[in-house]
N, C-alpha and C. Protein backbone atom coordinates (compact mmCIF):
# COMPACT_ATOMS: atom_id res chain seq x y z
N UNK A 1 3.33 -1.87 14.05
CA UNK A 1 4.11 -1.51 12.89
C UNK A 1 3.19 -1.28 11.71
N UNK A 2 3.55 -0.35 10.88
CA UNK A 2 2.74 -0.01 9.72
C UNK A 2 3.66 0.34 8.57
N UNK A 3 3.31 -0.07 7.38
CA UNK A 3 4.07 0.27 6.18
C UNK A 3 3.33 1.34 5.42
N UNK A 4 4.04 2.38 5.01
CA UNK A 4 3.43 3.45 4.23
C UNK A 4 4.28 3.70 3.00
N UNK A 5 3.65 4.16 1.94
CA UNK A 5 4.36 4.44 0.70
C UNK A 5 4.93 5.85 0.74
N UNK A 6 6.13 6.01 0.20
CA UNK A 6 6.77 7.33 0.15
C UNK A 6 7.60 7.43 -1.12
N UNK A 7 7.91 8.66 -1.47
CA UNK A 7 8.79 8.93 -2.60
C UNK A 7 10.04 9.61 -2.04
N UNK A 8 11.22 9.16 -2.45
CA UNK A 8 12.47 9.78 -2.03
C UNK A 8 13.02 10.54 -3.22
N UNK A 9 13.20 11.84 -3.02
CA UNK A 9 13.74 12.70 -4.08
C UNK A 9 15.25 12.45 -4.21
N UNK A 10 15.82 12.87 -5.32
CA UNK A 10 17.26 12.68 -5.54
C UNK A 10 18.11 13.40 -4.50
N UNK A 11 17.55 14.42 -3.86
CA UNK A 11 18.30 15.14 -2.81
C UNK A 11 18.12 14.50 -1.43
N UNK A 12 17.38 13.38 -1.36
CA UNK A 12 17.20 12.66 -0.12
C UNK A 12 15.93 13.00 0.64
N UNK A 13 15.17 13.98 0.19
CA UNK A 13 13.92 14.32 0.86
C UNK A 13 12.92 13.19 0.70
N UNK A 14 12.23 12.88 1.79
CA UNK A 14 11.23 11.81 1.78
C UNK A 14 9.85 12.45 1.87
N UNK A 15 8.96 12.06 0.96
CA UNK A 15 7.59 12.56 0.94
C UNK A 15 6.63 11.38 1.05
N UNK A 16 5.81 11.37 2.08
CA UNK A 16 4.81 10.31 2.22
C UNK A 16 3.72 10.51 1.19
N UNK A 17 3.26 9.41 0.59
CA UNK A 17 2.20 9.48 -0.42
C UNK A 17 0.88 9.87 0.23
N UNK A 18 0.62 9.35 1.42
CA UNK A 18 -0.59 9.69 2.16
C UNK A 18 -0.19 10.17 3.55
N UNK A 19 -0.91 11.11 4.13
CA UNK A 19 -0.56 11.57 5.47
C UNK A 19 -0.78 10.48 6.51
N UNK A 20 0.07 10.48 7.53
CA UNK A 20 -0.12 9.56 8.65
C UNK A 20 -0.12 10.39 9.93
N UNK A 21 -0.69 9.84 10.98
CA UNK A 21 -0.77 10.53 12.26
C UNK A 21 -0.21 9.61 13.34
N UNK A 22 0.72 10.11 14.12
CA UNK A 22 1.29 9.36 15.24
C UNK A 22 1.15 10.22 16.49
N UNK A 23 1.03 9.58 17.63
CA UNK A 23 0.83 10.31 18.88
C UNK A 23 2.14 10.84 19.47
N UNK A 24 3.24 10.15 19.15
CA UNK A 24 4.56 10.56 19.63
C UNK A 24 5.56 10.37 18.49
N UNK A 25 6.72 10.98 18.57
CA UNK A 25 7.73 10.74 17.53
C UNK A 25 8.04 9.24 17.42
N UNK A 26 8.23 8.75 16.23
CA UNK A 26 8.48 7.33 15.98
C UNK A 26 9.72 7.15 15.11
N UNK A 27 10.38 6.03 15.30
CA UNK A 27 11.48 5.67 14.42
C UNK A 27 10.88 5.04 13.17
N UNK A 28 11.63 5.04 12.08
CA UNK A 28 11.14 4.44 10.84
C UNK A 28 12.31 3.81 10.10
N UNK A 29 12.01 2.82 9.30
CA UNK A 29 12.97 2.19 8.40
C UNK A 29 12.58 2.57 6.98
N UNK A 30 13.55 2.83 6.15
CA UNK A 30 13.27 3.18 4.75
C UNK A 30 13.91 2.12 3.87
N UNK A 31 13.10 1.51 3.01
CA UNK A 31 13.59 0.55 2.03
C UNK A 31 13.53 1.22 0.67
N UNK A 32 14.67 1.30 0.00
CA UNK A 32 14.70 1.95 -1.31
C UNK A 32 14.47 0.89 -2.38
N UNK A 33 13.40 1.04 -3.15
CA UNK A 33 13.03 0.10 -4.19
C UNK A 33 13.75 0.45 -5.48
N UNK A 34 13.80 -0.48 -6.41
CA UNK A 34 14.53 -0.29 -7.65
C UNK A 34 13.97 0.83 -8.52
N UNK A 35 12.67 0.99 -8.54
CA UNK A 35 12.07 2.01 -9.41
C UNK A 35 10.83 2.57 -8.74
N UNK A 36 10.33 3.65 -9.26
CA UNK A 36 9.13 4.26 -8.71
C UNK A 36 7.94 3.33 -8.92
N UNK A 37 7.00 3.28 -7.98
CA UNK A 37 5.83 2.43 -8.15
C UNK A 37 4.97 2.90 -9.33
N UNK A 38 4.31 1.95 -9.96
CA UNK A 38 3.41 2.26 -11.06
C UNK A 38 2.04 1.70 -10.77
N UNK A 39 1.06 2.14 -11.53
CA UNK A 39 -0.30 1.64 -11.36
C UNK A 39 -0.35 0.14 -11.62
N UNK A 40 0.53 -0.34 -12.47
CA UNK A 40 0.53 -1.76 -12.84
C UNK A 40 1.45 -2.58 -11.95
N UNK A 41 1.48 -2.25 -10.68
CA UNK A 41 2.32 -2.96 -9.72
C UNK A 41 2.00 -4.45 -9.77
N UNK A 42 3.02 -5.27 -9.79
CA UNK A 42 2.84 -6.72 -9.90
C UNK A 42 1.95 -7.28 -8.80
N UNK A 43 2.10 -6.79 -7.58
CA UNK A 43 1.27 -7.30 -6.49
C UNK A 43 -0.20 -7.03 -6.74
N UNK A 44 -0.51 -5.85 -7.24
CA UNK A 44 -1.92 -5.53 -7.50
C UNK A 44 -2.46 -6.36 -8.65
N UNK A 45 -1.65 -6.58 -9.67
CA UNK A 45 -2.11 -7.36 -10.82
C UNK A 45 -2.34 -8.82 -10.46
N UNK A 46 -1.55 -9.35 -9.53
CA UNK A 46 -1.68 -10.77 -9.20
C UNK A 46 -2.71 -11.03 -8.11
N UNK A 47 -3.20 -9.99 -7.45
CA UNK A 47 -4.10 -10.17 -6.32
C UNK A 47 -5.34 -10.98 -6.68
N UNK A 48 -5.99 -10.67 -7.78
CA UNK A 48 -7.23 -11.39 -8.15
C UNK A 48 -6.95 -12.86 -8.43
N UNK A 49 -5.85 -13.14 -9.12
CA UNK A 49 -5.52 -14.53 -9.43
C UNK A 49 -5.18 -15.31 -8.16
N UNK A 50 -4.44 -14.69 -7.26
CA UNK A 50 -4.07 -15.36 -6.01
C UNK A 50 -5.28 -15.52 -5.09
N UNK A 51 -6.22 -14.60 -5.16
CA UNK A 51 -7.41 -14.68 -4.31
C UNK A 51 -8.19 -15.96 -4.56
N UNK A 52 -8.14 -16.47 -5.77
CA UNK A 52 -8.84 -17.73 -6.07
C UNK A 52 -8.31 -18.85 -5.18
N UNK A 53 -7.01 -18.89 -4.96
CA UNK A 53 -6.43 -19.90 -4.08
C UNK A 53 -6.60 -19.53 -2.61
N UNK A 54 -6.42 -18.26 -2.29
CA UNK A 54 -6.49 -17.84 -0.89
C UNK A 54 -7.86 -18.04 -0.30
N UNK A 55 -8.92 -17.92 -1.08
CA UNK A 55 -10.28 -17.95 -0.57
C UNK A 55 -10.93 -19.32 -0.66
N UNK A 56 -10.13 -20.37 -0.51
CA UNK A 56 -10.65 -21.74 -0.53
C UNK A 56 -10.69 -22.28 0.89
N UNK A 57 -11.61 -23.18 1.15
CA UNK A 57 -11.73 -23.80 2.48
C UNK A 57 -10.44 -24.53 2.86
N UNK A 58 -9.79 -25.17 1.89
CA UNK A 58 -8.54 -25.89 2.17
C UNK A 58 -7.45 -24.92 2.66
N UNK A 59 -7.41 -23.75 2.10
CA UNK A 59 -6.43 -22.75 2.50
C UNK A 59 -6.72 -22.27 3.92
N UNK A 60 -7.99 -22.02 4.22
CA UNK A 60 -8.37 -21.61 5.57
C UNK A 60 -7.98 -22.68 6.59
N UNK A 61 -8.21 -23.94 6.26
CA UNK A 61 -7.87 -25.03 7.17
C UNK A 61 -6.35 -25.11 7.39
N UNK A 62 -5.59 -24.89 6.35
CA UNK A 62 -4.13 -24.98 6.45
C UNK A 62 -3.56 -23.91 7.38
N UNK A 63 -4.20 -22.77 7.48
CA UNK A 63 -3.69 -21.66 8.29
C UNK A 63 -4.46 -21.48 9.59
N UNK A 64 -5.42 -22.34 9.85
CA UNK A 64 -6.28 -22.20 11.04
C UNK A 64 -5.50 -22.19 12.35
N UNK A 65 -4.40 -22.93 12.41
CA UNK A 65 -3.62 -22.99 13.65
C UNK A 65 -2.99 -21.64 14.03
N UNK A 66 -2.95 -20.69 13.09
CA UNK A 66 -2.39 -19.37 13.38
C UNK A 66 -3.43 -18.36 13.82
N UNK A 67 -4.69 -18.75 13.77
CA UNK A 67 -5.78 -17.86 14.15
C UNK A 67 -6.02 -17.94 15.67
N UNK A 68 -6.40 -16.83 16.30
CA UNK A 68 -6.68 -16.88 17.74
C UNK A 68 -7.89 -17.77 18.02
N UNK A 69 -7.87 -18.39 19.19
CA UNK A 69 -8.99 -19.27 19.58
C UNK A 69 -10.24 -18.45 19.77
N UNK A 70 -11.38 -19.02 19.38
CA UNK A 70 -12.66 -18.33 19.50
C UNK A 70 -13.32 -18.66 20.82
């Protein structure tokens, strides 16, 4: 599964922001967001602040059980 960004026009046409390539026809789900994305997307703005917590040894240890065995 892969998530890609798209714009839906008022007439229902869907335009992918970046081209994608698939080997066979695929089904897709479309989630309509409240507003058009902006450069100041909340997720992008919070990434650096959250990375401080995500990149700690304690965080790695807490999620280690979900990692494949080496």
